[in-house]
PDB file of N, CA and C in Angstrom:
ATOM      1  N   MET A   1     -11.645   2.417  19.781  1.00  0.00           N
ATOM      2  CA  MET A   1     -11.019   2.528  18.495  1.00  0.00           C
ATOM      3  C   MET A   1     -12.005   2.085  17.414  1.00  0.00           C
ATOM      4  N   ASP A   2     -12.187   2.906  16.435  1.00  0.00           N
ATOM      5  CA  ASP A   2     -13.052   2.595  15.297  1.00  0.00           C
ATOM      6  C   ASP A   2     -12.173   2.116  14.143  1.00  0.00           C
ATOM      7  N   PRO A   3     -12.299   0.867  13.718  1.00  0.00           N
ATOM      8  CA  PRO A   3     -11.430   0.355  12.656  1.00  0.00           C
ATOM      9  C   PRO A   3     -11.564   1.117  11.337  1.00  0.00           C
ATOM     10  N   ASP A   4     -12.768   1.576  11.024  1.00  0.00           N
ATOM     11  CA  ASP A   4     -12.939   2.316   9.770  1.00  0.00           C
ATOM     12  C   ASP A   4     -12.188   3.629   9.791  1.00  0.00           C
ATOM     13  N   LEU A   5     -12.204   4.318  10.923  1.00  0.00           N
ATOM     14  CA  LEU A   5     -11.434   5.564  11.044  1.00  0.00           C
ATOM     15  C   LEU A   5      -9.934   5.282  10.984  1.00  0.00           C
ATOM     16  N   ALA A   6      -9.513   4.201  11.601  1.00  0.00           N
ATOM     17  CA  ALA A   6      -8.083   3.846  11.589  1.00  0.00           C
ATOM     18  C   ALA A   6      -7.620   3.569  10.157  1.00  0.00           C
ATOM     19  N   VAL A   7      -8.409   2.815   9.394  1.00  0.00           N
ATOM     20  CA  VAL A   7      -8.029   2.507   8.015  1.00  0.00           C
ATOM     21  C   VAL A   7      -8.027   3.786   7.174  1.00  0.00           C
ATOM     22  N   ALA A   8      -8.985   4.658   7.383  1.00  0.00           N
ATOM     23  CA  ALA A   8      -9.008   5.929   6.641  1.00  0.00           C
ATOM     24  C   ALA A   8      -7.764   6.755   6.969  1.00  0.00           C
ATOM     25  N   ARG A   9      -7.370   6.770   8.251  1.00  0.00           N
ATOM     26  CA  ARG A   9      -6.140   7.506   8.630  1.00  0.00           C
ATOM     27  C   ARG A   9      -4.917   6.860   8.000  1.00  0.00           C
ATOM     28  N   ILE A  10      -4.862   5.544   7.977  1.00  0.00           N
ATOM     29  CA  ILE A  10      -3.721   4.851   7.368  1.00  0.00           C
ATOM     30  C   ILE A  10      -3.614   5.215   5.892  1.00  0.00           C
ATOM     31  N   LEU A  11      -4.732   5.258   5.195  1.00  0.00           N
ATOM     32  CA  LEU A  11      -4.703   5.622   3.770  1.00  0.00           C
ATOM     33  C   LEU A  11      -4.237   7.072   3.579  1.00  0.00           C
ATOM     34  N   ARG A  12      -4.715   7.977   4.431  1.00  0.00           N
ATOM     35  CA  ARG A  12      -4.279   9.380   4.333  1.00  0.00           C
ATOM     36  C   ARG A  12      -2.801   9.537   4.668  1.00  0.00           C
ATOM     37  N   ILE A  13      -2.339   8.852   5.703  1.00  0.00           N
ATOM     38  CA  ILE A  13      -0.924   8.918   6.075  1.00  0.00           C
ATOM     39  C   ILE A  13      -0.068   8.328   4.967  1.00  0.00           C
ATOM     40  N   THR A  14      -0.531   7.251   4.347  1.00  0.00           N
ATOM     41  CA  THR A  14       0.210   6.646   3.239  1.00  0.00           C
ATOM     42  C   THR A  14       0.373   7.633   2.096  1.00  0.00           C
ATOM     43  N   LEU A  15      -0.701   8.337   1.769  1.00  0.00           N
ATOM     44  CA  LEU A  15      -0.616   9.337   0.683  1.00  0.00           C
ATOM     45  C   LEU A  15       0.328  10.469   1.054  1.00  0.00           C
ATOM     46  N   ALA A  16       0.291  10.913   2.320  1.00  0.00           N
ATOM     47  CA  ALA A  16       1.204  11.974   2.762  1.00  0.00           C
ATOM     48  C   ALA A  16       2.659  11.495   2.705  1.00  0.00           C
ATOM     49  N   LEU A  17       2.898  10.256   3.143  1.00  0.00           N
ATOM     50  CA  LEU A  17       4.269   9.712   3.070  1.00  0.00           C
ATOM     51  C   LEU A  17       4.703   9.541   1.615  1.00  0.00           C
ATOM     52  N   THR A  18       3.766   9.211   0.750  1.00  0.00           N
ATOM     53  CA  THR A  18       4.100   9.077  -0.676  1.00  0.00           C
ATOM     54  C   THR A  18       4.553  10.411  -1.253  1.00  0.00           C
ATOM     55  N   VAL A  19       3.813  11.461  -0.944  1.00  0.00           N
ATOM     56  CA  VAL A  19       4.187  12.790  -1.442  1.00  0.00           C
ATOM     57  C   VAL A  19       5.540  13.212  -0.876  1.00  0.00           C
ATOM     58  N   ALA A  20       5.716  13.040   0.435  1.00  0.00           N
ATOM     59  CA  ALA A  20       6.974  13.459   1.078  1.00  0.00           C
ATOM     60  C   ALA A  20       8.144  12.624   0.568  1.00  0.00           C
ATOM     61  N   GLY A  21       7.971  11.310   0.477  1.00  0.00           N
ATOM     62  CA  GLY A  21       9.045  10.447  -0.008  1.00  0.00           C
ATOM     63  C   GLY A  21       9.410  10.704  -1.446  1.00  0.00           C
ATOM     64  N   THR A  22       8.409  10.997  -2.262  1.00  0.00           N
ATOM     65  CA  THR A  22       8.682  11.329  -3.667  1.00  0.00           C
ATOM     66  C   THR A  22       9.501  12.614  -3.769  1.00  0.00           C
ATOM     67  N   ALA A  23       9.133  13.598  -2.985  1.00  0.00           N
ATOM     68  CA  ALA A  23       9.883  14.854  -3.011  1.00  0.00           C
ATOM     69  C   ALA A  23      11.322  14.645  -2.525  1.00  0.00           C
ATOM     70  N   ILE A  24      11.483  13.884  -1.455  1.00  0.00           N
ATOM     71  CA  ILE A  24      12.825  13.619  -0.931  1.00  0.00           C
ATOM     72  C   ILE A  24      13.634  12.796  -1.945  1.00  0.00           C
ATOM     73  N   GLY A  25      13.012  11.804  -2.541  1.00  0.00           N
ATOM     74  CA  GLY A  25      13.695  11.000  -3.549  1.00  0.00           C
ATOM     75  C   GLY A  25      14.104  11.828  -4.749  1.00  0.00           C
ATOM     76  N   TRP A  26      13.242  12.769  -5.124  1.00  0.00           N
ATOM     77  CA  TRP A  26      13.550  13.635  -6.273  1.00  0.00           C
ATOM     78  C   TRP A  26      14.748  14.521  -5.973  1.00  0.00           C
ATOM     79  N   VAL A  27      14.795  15.064  -4.754  1.00  0.00           N
ATOM     80  CA  VAL A  27      15.905  15.946  -4.363  1.00  0.00           C
ATOM     81  C   VAL A  27      17.214  15.161  -4.230  1.00  0.00           C
ATOM     82  N   MET A  28      17.134  13.979  -3.616  1.00  0.00           N
ATOM     83  CA  MET A  28      18.360  13.227  -3.320  1.00  0.00           C
ATOM     84  C   MET A  28      18.870  12.411  -4.503  1.00  0.00           C
ATOM     85  N   ALA A  29      17.981  11.903  -5.346  1.00  0.00           N
ATOM     86  CA  ALA A  29      18.412  10.998  -6.413  1.00  0.00           C
ATOM     87  C   ALA A  29      17.896  11.385  -7.789  1.00  0.00           C
ATOM     88  N   GLY A  30      17.356  12.572  -7.921  1.00  0.00           N
ATOM     89  CA  GLY A  30      16.848  13.013  -9.215  1.00  0.00           C
ATOM     90  C   GLY A  30      15.509  12.390  -9.547  1.00  0.00           C
ATOM     91  N   TRP A  31      15.134  12.524 -10.813  1.00  0.00           N
ATOM     92  CA  TRP A  31      13.815  12.038 -11.201  1.00  0.00           C
ATOM     93  C   TRP A  31      13.686  10.528 -11.082  1.00  0.00           C
ATOM     94  N   ARG A  32      14.818   9.810 -11.257  1.00  0.00           N
ATOM     95  CA  ARG A  32      14.771   8.351 -11.134  1.00  0.00           C
ATOM     96  C   ARG A  32      14.429   7.911  -9.703  1.00  0.00           C
ATOM     97  N   GLY A  33      14.970   8.629  -8.729  1.00  0.00           N
ATOM     98  CA  GLY A  33      14.673   8.321  -7.330  1.00  0.00           C
ATOM     99  C   GLY A  33      13.245   8.690  -6.967  1.00  0.00           C
ATOM    100  N   GLY A  34      12.813   9.870  -7.393  1.00  0.00           N
ATOM    101  CA  GLY A  34      11.448  10.301  -7.105  1.00  0.00           C
ATOM    102  C   GLY A  34      10.413   9.403  -7.740  1.00  0.00           C
ATOM    103  N   CYS A  35      10.613   9.059  -9.002  1.00  0.00           N
ATOM    104  CA  CYS A  35       9.669   8.189  -9.692  1.00  0.00           C
ATOM    105  C   CYS A  35       9.704   6.770  -9.111  1.00  0.00           C
ATOM    106  N   GLY A  36      10.876   6.312  -8.722  1.00  0.00           N
ATOM    107  CA  GLY A  36      10.979   4.987  -8.109  1.00  0.00           C
ATOM    108  C   GLY A  36      10.180   4.908  -6.822  1.00  0.00           C
ATOM    109  N   PHE A  37      10.347   5.908  -5.960  1.00  0.00           N
ATOM    110  CA  PHE A  37       9.598   5.913  -4.713  1.00  0.00           C
ATOM    111  C   PHE A  37       8.108   6.019  -5.002  1.00  0.00           C
ATOM    112  N   LEU A  38       7.728   6.881  -5.913  1.00  0.00           N
ATOM    113  CA  LEU A  38       6.325   7.080  -6.240  1.00  0.00           C
ATOM    114  C   LEU A  38       5.691   5.779  -6.753  1.00  0.00           C
ATOM    115  N   LEU A  39       6.351   5.091  -7.669  1.00  0.00           N
ATOM    116  CA  LEU A  39       5.794   3.851  -8.207  1.00  0.00           C
ATOM    117  C   LEU A  39       5.691   2.761  -7.133  1.00  0.00           C
ATOM    118  N   GLY A  40       6.719   2.654  -6.314  1.00  0.00           N
ATOM    119  CA  GLY A  40       6.672   1.670  -5.227  1.00  0.00           C
ATOM    120  C   GLY A  40       5.545   1.958  -4.250  1.00  0.00           C
ATOM    121  N   ALA A  41       5.413   3.225  -3.874  1.00  0.00           N
ATOM    122  CA  ALA A  41       4.370   3.605  -2.915  1.00  0.00           C
ATOM    123  C   ALA A  41       2.978   3.429  -3.520  1.00  0.00           C
ATOM    124  N   LEU A  42       2.814   3.745  -4.800  1.00  0.00           N
ATOM    125  CA  LEU A  42       1.507   3.585  -5.428  1.00  0.00           C
ATOM    126  C   LEU A  42       1.120   2.116  -5.554  1.00  0.00           C
ATOM    127  N   LEU A  43       2.065   1.254  -5.906  1.00  0.00           N
ATOM    128  CA  LEU A  43       1.778  -0.186  -5.954  1.00  0.00           C
ATOM    129  C   LEU A  43       1.394  -0.707  -4.582  1.00  0.00           C
ATOM    130  N   SER A  44       2.112  -0.272  -3.568  1.00  0.00           N
ATOM    131  CA  SER A  44       1.818  -0.709  -2.208  1.00  0.00           C
ATOM    132  C   SER A  44       0.474  -0.172  -1.735  1.00  0.00           C
ATOM    133  N   TYR A  45       0.162   1.063  -2.076  1.00  0.00           N
ATOM    134  CA  TYR A  45      -1.132   1.655  -1.730  1.00  0.00           C
ATOM    135  C   TYR A  45      -2.267   0.872  -2.402  1.00  0.00           C
ATOM    136  N   LEU A  46      -2.060   0.537  -3.663  1.00  0.00           N
ATOM    137  CA  LEU A  46      -3.057  -0.239  -4.397  1.00  0.00           C
ATOM    138  C   LEU A  46      -3.256  -1.600  -3.740  1.00  0.00           C
ATOM    139  N   ASN A  47      -2.172  -2.236  -3.341  1.00  0.00           N
ATOM    140  CA  ASN A  47      -2.272  -3.533  -2.674  1.00  0.00           C
ATOM    141  C   ASN A  47      -3.029  -3.408  -1.350  1.00  0.00           C
ATOM    142  N   PHE A  48      -2.747  -2.354  -0.578  1.00  0.00           N
ATOM    143  CA  PHE A  48      -3.447  -2.150   0.688  1.00  0.00           C
ATOM    144  C   PHE A  48      -4.938  -1.944   0.460  1.00  0.00           C
ATOM    145  N   SER A  49      -5.276  -1.156  -0.543  1.00  0.00           N
ATOM    146  CA  SER A  49      -6.684  -0.912  -0.858  1.00  0.00           C
ATOM    147  C   SER A  49      -7.392  -2.203  -1.278  1.00  0.00           C
ATOM    148  N   TRP A  50      -6.737  -2.994  -2.118  1.00  0.00           N
ATOM    149  CA  TRP A  50      -7.331  -4.261  -2.541  1.00  0.00           C
ATOM    150  C   TRP A  50      -7.473  -5.223  -1.363  1.00  0.00           C
ATOM    151  N   LEU A  51      -6.473  -5.227  -0.503  1.00  0.00           N
ATOM    152  CA  LEU A  51      -6.534  -6.093   0.675  1.00  0.00           C
ATOM    153  C   LEU A  51      -7.687  -5.687   1.587  1.00  0.00           C
ATOM    154  N   LYS A  52      -7.903  -4.391   1.765  1.00  0.00           N
ATOM    155  CA  LYS A  52      -9.007  -3.883   2.561  1.00  0.00           C
ATOM    156  C   LYS A  52     -10.339  -4.342   1.961  1.00  0.00           C
ATOM    157  N   ARG A  53     -10.468  -4.259   0.652  1.00  0.00           N
ATOM    158  CA  ARG A  53     -11.694  -4.680  -0.017  1.00  0.00           C
ATOM    159  C   ARG A  53     -11.916  -6.193   0.114  1.00  0.00           C
ATOM    160  N   THR A  54     -10.840  -6.952   0.035  1.00  0.00           N
ATOM    161  CA  THR A  54     -10.954  -8.404   0.170  1.00  0.00           C
ATOM    162  C   THR A  54     -11.401  -8.783   1.572  1.00  0.00           C
ATOM    163  N   VAL A  55     -10.811  -8.150   2.580  1.00  0.00           N
ATOM    164  CA  VAL A  55     -11.204  -8.439   3.956  1.00  0.00           C
ATOM    165  C   VAL A  55     -12.660  -8.053   4.196  1.00  0.00           C
ATOM    166  N   SER A  56     -13.084  -6.924   3.636  1.00  0.00           N
ATOM    167  CA  SER A  56     -14.491  -6.525   3.764  1.00  0.00           C
ATOM    168  C   SER A  56     -15.414  -7.539   3.098  1.00  0.00           C
ATOM    169  N   ALA A  57     -15.026  -8.016   1.923  1.00  0.00           N
ATOM    170  CA  ALA A  57     -15.849  -9.005   1.234  1.00  0.00           C
ATOM    171  C   ALA A  57     -15.914 -10.309   2.016  1.00  0.00           C
ATOM    172  N   LEU A  58     -14.810 -10.723   2.598  1.00  0.00           N
ATOM    173  CA  LEU A  58     -14.814 -11.942   3.401  1.00  0.00           C
ATOM    174  C   LEU A  58     -15.652 -11.769   4.656  1.00  0.00           C
ATOM    175  N   GLY A  59     -15.624 -10.573   5.252  1.00  0.00           N
ATOM    176  CA  GLY A  59     -16.446 -10.316   6.427  1.00  0.00           C
ATOM    177  C   GLY A  59     -17.928 -10.363   6.109  1.00  0.00           C
ATOM    178  N   GLU A  60     -18.306  -9.875   4.940  1.00  0.00           N
ATOM    179  CA  GLU A  60     -19.718  -9.905   4.545  1.00  0.00           C
ATOM    180  C   GLU A  60     -20.195 -11.318   4.248  1.00  0.00           C
ATOM    181  N   THR A  61     -19.326 -12.128   3.615  1.00  0.00           N
ATOM    182  CA  THR A  61     -19.746 -13.499   3.311  1.00  0.00           C
ATOM    183  C   THR A  61     -19.783 -14.351   4.569  1.00  0.00           C
ATOM    184  N   ALA A  62     -18.986 -13.980   5.586  1.00  0.00           N
ATOM    185  CA  ALA A  62     -19.010 -14.747   6.834  1.00  0.00           C
ATOM    186  C   ALA A  62     -20.344 -14.571   7.552  1.00  0.00           C
ATOM    187  N   LYS A  63     -20.989 -13.423   7.365  1.00  0.00           N
ATOM    188  CA  LYS A  63     -22.282 -13.164   8.008  1.00  0.00           C
ATOM    189  C   LYS A  63     -23.419 -13.870   7.281  1.00  0.00           C
ATOM    190  N   GLY A  64     -23.256 -14.037   5.982  1.00  0.00           N
ATOM    191  CA  GLY A  64     -24.336 -14.603   5.179  1.00  0.00           C
ATOM    192  C   GLY A  64     -23.966 -15.972   4.628  1.00  0.00           C
ATOM    193  N   PRO A  65     -24.008 -16.096   3.296  1.00  0.00           N
ATOM    194  CA  PRO A  65     -23.706 -17.390   2.676  1.00  0.00           C
ATOM    195  C   PRO A  65     -22.234 -17.751   2.849  1.00  0.00           C
ATOM    196  N   PRO A  66     -21.850 -19.003   2.538  1.00  0.00           N
ATOM    197  CA  PRO A  66     -20.459 -19.409   2.658  1.00  0.00           C
ATOM    198  C   PRO A  66     -19.548 -18.564   1.763  1.00  0.00           C
ATOM    199  N   ALA A  67     -18.260 -18.501   2.157  1.00  0.00           N
ATOM    200  CA  ALA A  67     -17.301 -17.658   1.416  1.00  0.00           C
ATOM    201  C   ALA A  67     -17.239 -18.097  -0.051  1.00  0.00           C
ATOM    202  N   LYS A  68     -17.176 -17.145  -0.913  1.00  0.00           N
ATOM    203  CA  LYS A  68     -17.159 -17.414  -2.353  1.00  0.00           C
ATOM    204  C   LYS A  68     -15.725 -17.679  -2.797  1.00  0.00           C
ATOM    205  N   SER A  69     -15.576 -18.544  -3.761  1.00  0.00           N
ATOM    206  CA  SER A  69     -14.241 -18.885  -4.248  1.00  0.00           C
ATOM    207  C   SER A  69     -13.629 -17.742  -5.051  1.00  0.00           C
ATOM    208  N   TRP A  70     -14.464 -16.849  -5.569  1.00  0.00           N
ATOM    209  CA  TRP A  70     -13.921 -15.758  -6.350  1.00  0.00           C
ATOM    210  C   TRP A  70     -13.073 -14.825  -5.514  1.00  0.00           C
ATOM    211  N   VAL A  71     -13.334 -14.720  -4.239  1.00  0.00           N
ATOM    212  CA  VAL A  71     -12.521 -13.862  -3.358  1.00  0.00           C
ATOM    213  C   VAL A  71     -11.099 -14.412  -3.309  1.00  0.00           C
ATOM    214  N   ALA A  72     -10.959 -15.721  -3.196  1.00  0.00           N
ATOM    215  CA  ALA A  72      -9.637 -16.337  -3.164  1.00  0.00           C
ATOM    216  C   ALA A  72      -8.932 -16.198  -4.515  1.00  0.00           C
ATOM    217  N   VAL A  73      -9.681 -16.358  -5.598  1.00  0.00           N
ATOM    218  CA  VAL A  73      -9.093 -16.239  -6.934  1.00  0.00           C
ATOM    219  C   VAL A  73      -8.605 -14.801  -7.157  1.00  0.00           C
ATOM    220  N   LEU A  74      -9.411 -13.818  -6.773  1.00  0.00           N
ATOM    221  CA  LEU A  74      -8.999 -12.427  -6.950  1.00  0.00           C
ATOM    222  C   LEU A  74      -7.802 -12.081  -6.085  1.00  0.00           C
ATOM    223  N   SER A  75      -7.714 -12.670  -4.895  1.00  0.00           N
ATOM    224  CA  SER A  75      -6.556 -12.430  -4.052  1.00  0.00           C
ATOM    225  C   SER A  75      -5.294 -12.932  -4.725  1.00  0.00           C
ATOM    226  N   GLY A  76      -5.362 -14.126  -5.292  1.00  0.00           N
ATOM    227  CA  GLY A  76      -4.197 -14.666  -6.001  1.00  0.00           C
ATOM    228  C   GLY A  76      -3.835 -13.850  -7.223  1.00  0.00           C
ATOM    229  N   LEU A  77      -4.836 -13.438  -7.971  1.00  0.00           N
ATOM    230  CA  LEU A  77      -4.570 -12.601  -9.147  1.00  0.00           C
ATOM    231  C   LEU A  77      -3.982 -11.252  -8.775  1.00  0.00           C
ATOM    232  N   ARG A  78      -4.412 -10.724  -7.636  1.00  0.00           N
ATOM    233  CA  ARG A  78      -3.878  -9.433  -7.175  1.00  0.00           C
ATOM    234  C   ARG A  78      -2.374  -9.514  -7.009  1.00  0.00           C
ATOM    235  N   TYR A  79      -1.890 -10.548  -6.332  1.00  0.00           N
ATOM    236  CA  TYR A  79      -0.458 -10.662  -6.111  1.00  0.00           C
ATOM    237  C   TYR A  79       0.282 -10.979  -7.389  1.00  0.00           C
ATOM    238  N   LEU A  80      -0.328 -11.719  -8.276  1.00  0.00           N
ATOM    239  CA  LEU A  80       0.281 -11.967  -9.572  1.00  0.00           C
ATOM    240  C   LEU A  80       0.428 -10.662 -10.355  1.00  0.00           C
ATOM    241  N   LEU A  81      -0.635  -9.847 -10.392  1.00  0.00           N
ATOM    242  CA  LEU A  81      -0.575  -8.576 -11.105  1.00  0.00           C
ATOM    243  C   LEU A  81       0.422  -7.614 -10.473  1.00  0.00           C
ATOM    244  N   LEU A  82       0.435  -7.530  -9.153  1.00  0.00           N
ATOM    245  CA  LEU A  82       1.375  -6.628  -8.487  1.00  0.00           C
ATOM    246  C   LEU A  82       2.823  -7.087  -8.702  1.00  0.00           C
ATOM    247  N   GLY A  83       3.055  -8.377  -8.632  1.00  0.00           N
ATOM    248  CA  GLY A  83       4.403  -8.891  -8.873  1.00  0.00           C
ATOM    249  C   GLY A  83       4.857  -8.648 -10.296  1.00  0.00           C
ATOM    250  N   LEU A  84       3.961  -8.872 -11.240  1.00  0.00           N
ATOM    251  CA  LEU A  84       4.275  -8.622 -12.646  1.00  0.00           C
ATOM    252  C   LEU A  84       4.550  -7.142 -12.899  1.00  0.00           C
ATOM    253  N   GLY A  85       3.732  -6.275 -12.293  1.00  0.00           N
ATOM    254  CA  GLY A  85       3.960  -4.834 -12.423  1.00  0.00           C
ATOM    255  C   GLY A  85       5.291  -4.407 -11.842  1.00  0.00           C
ATOM    256  N   ALA A  86       5.618  -4.939 -10.673  1.00  0.00           N
ATOM    257  CA  ALA A  86       6.902  -4.614 -10.040  1.00  0.00           C
ATOM    258  C   ALA A  86       8.068  -5.102 -10.901  1.00  0.00           C
ATOM    259  N   TYR A  87       7.949  -6.305 -11.455  1.00  0.00           N
ATOM    260  CA  TYR A  87       9.005  -6.834 -12.314  1.00  0.00           C
ATOM    261  C   TYR A  87       9.216  -5.948 -13.545  1.00  0.00           C
ATOM    262  N   VAL A  88       8.144  -5.569 -14.183  1.00  0.00           N
ATOM    263  CA  VAL A  88       8.246  -4.730 -15.389  1.00  0.00           C
ATOM    264  C   VAL A  88       8.870  -3.382 -15.037  1.00  0.00           C
ATOM    265  N   ILE A  89       8.434  -2.800 -13.922  1.00  0.00           N
ATOM    266  CA  ILE A  89       8.968  -1.500 -13.524  1.00  0.00           C
ATOM    267  C   ILE A  89      10.473  -1.579 -13.266  1.00  0.00           C
ATOM    268  N   VAL A  90      10.878  -2.588 -12.508  1.00  0.00           N
ATOM    269  CA  VAL A  90      12.289  -2.695 -12.133  1.00  0.00           C
ATOM    270  C   VAL A  90      13.155  -3.135 -13.310  1.00  0.00           C
ATOM    271  N   ARG A  91      12.663  -4.050 -14.117  1.00  0.00           N
ATOM    272  CA  ARG A  91      13.463  -4.619 -15.202  1.00  0.00           C
ATOM    273  C   ARG A  91      13.602  -3.690 -16.407  1.00  0.00           C
ATOM    274  N   PHE A  92      12.532  -3.015 -16.774  1.00  0.00           N
ATOM    275  CA  PHE A  92      12.540  -2.288 -18.040  1.00  0.00           C
ATOM    276  C   PHE A  92      12.520  -0.770 -17.897  1.00  0.00           C
ATOM    277  N   SER A  93      12.590  -0.256 -16.698  1.00  0.00           N
ATOM    278  CA  SER A  93      12.588   1.197 -16.543  1.00  0.00           C
ATOM    279  C   SER A  93      13.919   1.652 -15.980  1.00  0.00           C
ATOM    280  N   GLU A  94      14.103   2.935 -15.931  1.00  0.00           N
ATOM    281  CA  GLU A  94      15.360   3.504 -15.465  1.00  0.00           C
ATOM    282  C   GLU A  94      15.280   4.017 -14.022  1.00  0.00           C
ATOM    283  N   ILE A  95      14.258   3.644 -13.314  1.00  0.00           N
ATOM    284  CA  ILE A  95      14.114   4.137 -11.946  1.00  0.00           C
ATOM    285  C   ILE A  95      15.102   3.432 -11.021  1.00  0.00           C
ATOM    286  N   ARG A  96      15.333   4.040  -9.880  1.00  0.00           N
ATOM    287  CA  ARG A  96      16.265   3.460  -8.893  1.00  0.00           C
ATOM    288  C   ARG A  96      15.553   2.382  -8.091  1.00  0.00           C
ATOM    289  N   LEU A  97      16.188   1.236  -8.028  1.00  0.00           N
ATOM    290  CA  LEU A  97      15.612   0.085  -7.340  1.00  0.00           C
ATOM    291  C   LEU A  97      15.415   0.352  -5.859  1.00  0.00           C
ATOM    292  N   MET A  98      16.383   0.944  -5.198  1.00  0.00           N
ATOM    293  CA  MET A  98      16.269   1.193  -3.754  1.00  0.00           C
ATOM    294  C   MET A  98      15.148   2.168  -3.442  1.00  0.00           C
ATOM    295  N   ALA A  99      14.935   3.149  -4.279  1.00  0.00           N
ATOM    296  CA  ALA A  99      13.829   4.086  -4.069  1.00  0.00           C
ATOM    297  C   ALA A  99      12.505   3.360  -4.258  1.00  0.00           C
ATOM    298  N   PHE A 100      12.429   2.475  -5.242  1.00  0.00           N
ATOM    299  CA  PHE A 100      11.226   1.695  -5.469  1.00  0.00           C
ATOM    300  C   PHE A 100      10.914   0.820  -4.261  1.00  0.00           C
ATOM    301  N   LEU A 101      11.944   0.141  -3.739  1.00  0.00           N
ATOM    302  CA  LEU A 101      11.743  -0.715  -2.577  1.00  0.00           C
ATOM    303  C   LEU A 101      11.354   0.093  -1.340  1.00  0.00           C
ATOM    304  N   ALA A 102      11.930   1.279  -1.187  1.00  0.00           N
ATOM    305  CA  ALA A 102      11.552   2.124  -0.056  1.00  0.00           C
ATOM    306  C   ALA A 102      10.093   2.554  -0.174  1.00  0.00           C
ATOM    307  N   GLY A 103       9.642   2.832  -1.369  1.00  0.00           N
ATOM    308  CA  GLY A 103       8.248   3.211  -1.585  1.00  0.00           C
ATOM    309  C   GLY A 103       7.277   2.111  -1.221  1.00  0.00           C
ATOM    310  N   LEU A 104       7.706   0.859  -1.377  1.00  0.00           N
ATOM    311  CA  LEU A 104       6.842  -0.270  -1.021  1.00  0.00           C
ATOM    312  C   LEU A 104       6.520  -0.293   0.476  1.00  0.00           C
ATOM    313  N   PHE A 105       7.341   0.349   1.279  1.00  0.00           N
ATOM    314  CA  PHE A 105       7.131   0.345   2.734  1.00  0.00           C
ATOM    315  C   PHE A 105       6.289   1.525   3.242  1.00  0.00           C
ATOM    316  N   ALA A 106       5.774   2.359   2.370  1.00  0.00           N
ATOM    317  CA  ALA A 106       4.983   3.505   2.808  1.00  0.00           C
ATOM    318  C   ALA A 106       3.748   3.093   3.626  1.00  0.00           C
ATOM    319  N   PRO A 107       2.953   2.111   3.209  1.00  0.00           N
ATOM    320  CA  PRO A 107       1.821   1.706   4.059  1.00  0.00           C
ATOM    321  C   PRO A 107       2.255   1.093   5.392  1.00  0.00           C
ATOM    322  N   ALA A 108       3.369   0.382   5.395  1.00  0.00           N
ATOM    323  CA  ALA A 108       3.867  -0.182   6.658  1.00  0.00           C
ATOM    324  C   ALA A 108       4.241   0.936   7.633  1.00  0.00           C
ATOM    325  N   ALA A 109       4.878   1.977   7.101  1.00  0.00           N
ATOM    326  CA  ALA A 109       5.199   3.127   7.949  1.00  0.00           C
ATOM    327  C   ALA A 109       3.925   3.822   8.423  1.00  0.00           C
ATOM    328  N   ALA A 110       2.913   3.894   7.564  1.00  0.00           N
ATOM    329  CA  ALA A 110       1.637   4.499   7.952  1.00  0.00           C
ATOM    330  C   ALA A 110       0.960   3.691   9.040  1.00  0.00           C
ATOM    331  N   VAL A 111       1.062   2.375   8.984  1.00  0.00           N
ATOM    332  CA  VAL A 111       0.461   1.538  10.032  1.00  0.00           C
ATOM    333  C   VAL A 111       1.179   1.762  11.360  1.00  0.00           C
ATOM    334  N   ILE A 112       2.490   1.880  11.327  1.00  0.00           N
ATOM    335  CA  ILE A 112       3.249   2.160  12.551  1.00  0.00           C
ATOM    336  C   ILE A 112       2.856   3.522  13.119  1.00  0.00           C
ATOM    337  N   LEU A 113       2.708   4.525  12.274  1.00  0.00           N
ATOM    338  CA  LEU A 113       2.278   5.840  12.738  1.00  0.00           C
ATOM    339  C   LEU A 113       0.857   5.796  13.304  1.00  0.00           C
ATOM    340  N   GLU A 114      -0.010   4.991  12.717  1.00  0.00           N
ATOM    341  CA  GLU A 114      -1.374   4.828  13.242  1.00  0.00           C
ATOM    342  C   GLU A 114      -1.343   4.155  14.606  1.00  0.00           C
ATOM    343  N   ILE A 115      -0.472   3.170  14.776  1.00  0.00           N
ATOM    344  CA  ILE A 115      -0.336   2.527  16.085  1.00  0.00           C
ATOM    345  C   ILE A 115       0.102   3.550  17.134  1.00  0.00           C
ATOM    346  N   LEU A 116       1.079   4.363  16.785  1.00  0.00           N
ATOM    347  CA  LEU A 116       1.525   5.413  17.717  1.00  0.00           C
ATOM    348  C   LEU A 116       0.405   6.393  18.018  1.00  0.00           C
ATOM    349  N   PHE A 117      -0.358   6.770  17.004  1.00  0.00           N
ATOM    350  CA  PHE A 117      -1.496   7.681  17.200  1.00  0.00           C
ATOM    351  C   PHE A 117      -2.497   7.077  18.174  1.00  0.00           C
ATOM    352  N   GLU A 118      -2.821   5.805  17.987  1.00  0.00           N
ATOM    353  CA  GLU A 118      -3.776   5.131  18.884  1.00  0.00           C
ATOM    354  C   GLU A 118      -3.237   5.005  20.293  1.00  0.00           C
ATOM    355  N   LEU A 119      -1.923   4.753  20.417  1.00  0.00           N
ATOM    356  CA  LEU A 119      -1.349   4.660  21.766  1.00  0.00           C
ATOM    357  C   LEU A 119      -1.370   5.981  22.501  1.00  0.00           C
ATOM    358  N   ILE A 120      -1.177   7.061  21.747  1.00  0.00           N
ATOM    359  CA  ILE A 120      -1.145   8.393  22.381  1.00  0.00           C
ATOM    360  C   ILE A 120      -2.547   8.950  22.582  1.00  0.00           C
ATOM    361  N   TYR A 121      -3.389   8.885  21.562  1.00  0.00           N
ATOM    362  CA  TYR A 121      -4.689   9.541  21.607  1.00  0.00           C
ATOM    363  C   TYR A 121      -5.886   8.585  21.774  1.00  0.00           C
ATOM    364  N   GLY A 122      -5.645   7.294  21.758  1.00  0.00           N
ATOM    365  CA  GLY A 122      -6.743   6.322  21.862  1.00  0.00           C
ATOM    366  C   GLY A 122      -7.361   6.332  23.251  1.00  0.00           C
ATOM    367  N   THR A 123      -8.610   5.913  23.304  1.00  0.00           N
ATOM    368  CA  THR A 123      -9.306   5.891  24.613  1.00  0.00           C
ATOM    369  C   THR A 123      -9.378   4.487  25.146  1.00  0.00           C
TER     370      THR A 123
END
């Protein structure tokens, strides 16, 4: 198993689930449902990408000089920004909360699908 290929597949599956979930949300709950799922999935995708970058940065510093404090600071700021964005979206917009929350699980579903892919096709 190549971790870089697995992460690339997870990102692609997340985008595919985002498109499919947005379309389903749009059909079932109108534009508020579709936009809610889309915003939730995009925030979650952004968090996954930032987390991947943080782990890569920590892996590089583990090989060389001691871990930098800025990695920890950026990690904390990331969650503050994502939480603030989620609050603003839910509090001040007209999107459906349940669709937004369902969109937040798109990367988790992609990870589960990647696990199944590795179990079936992995060597």
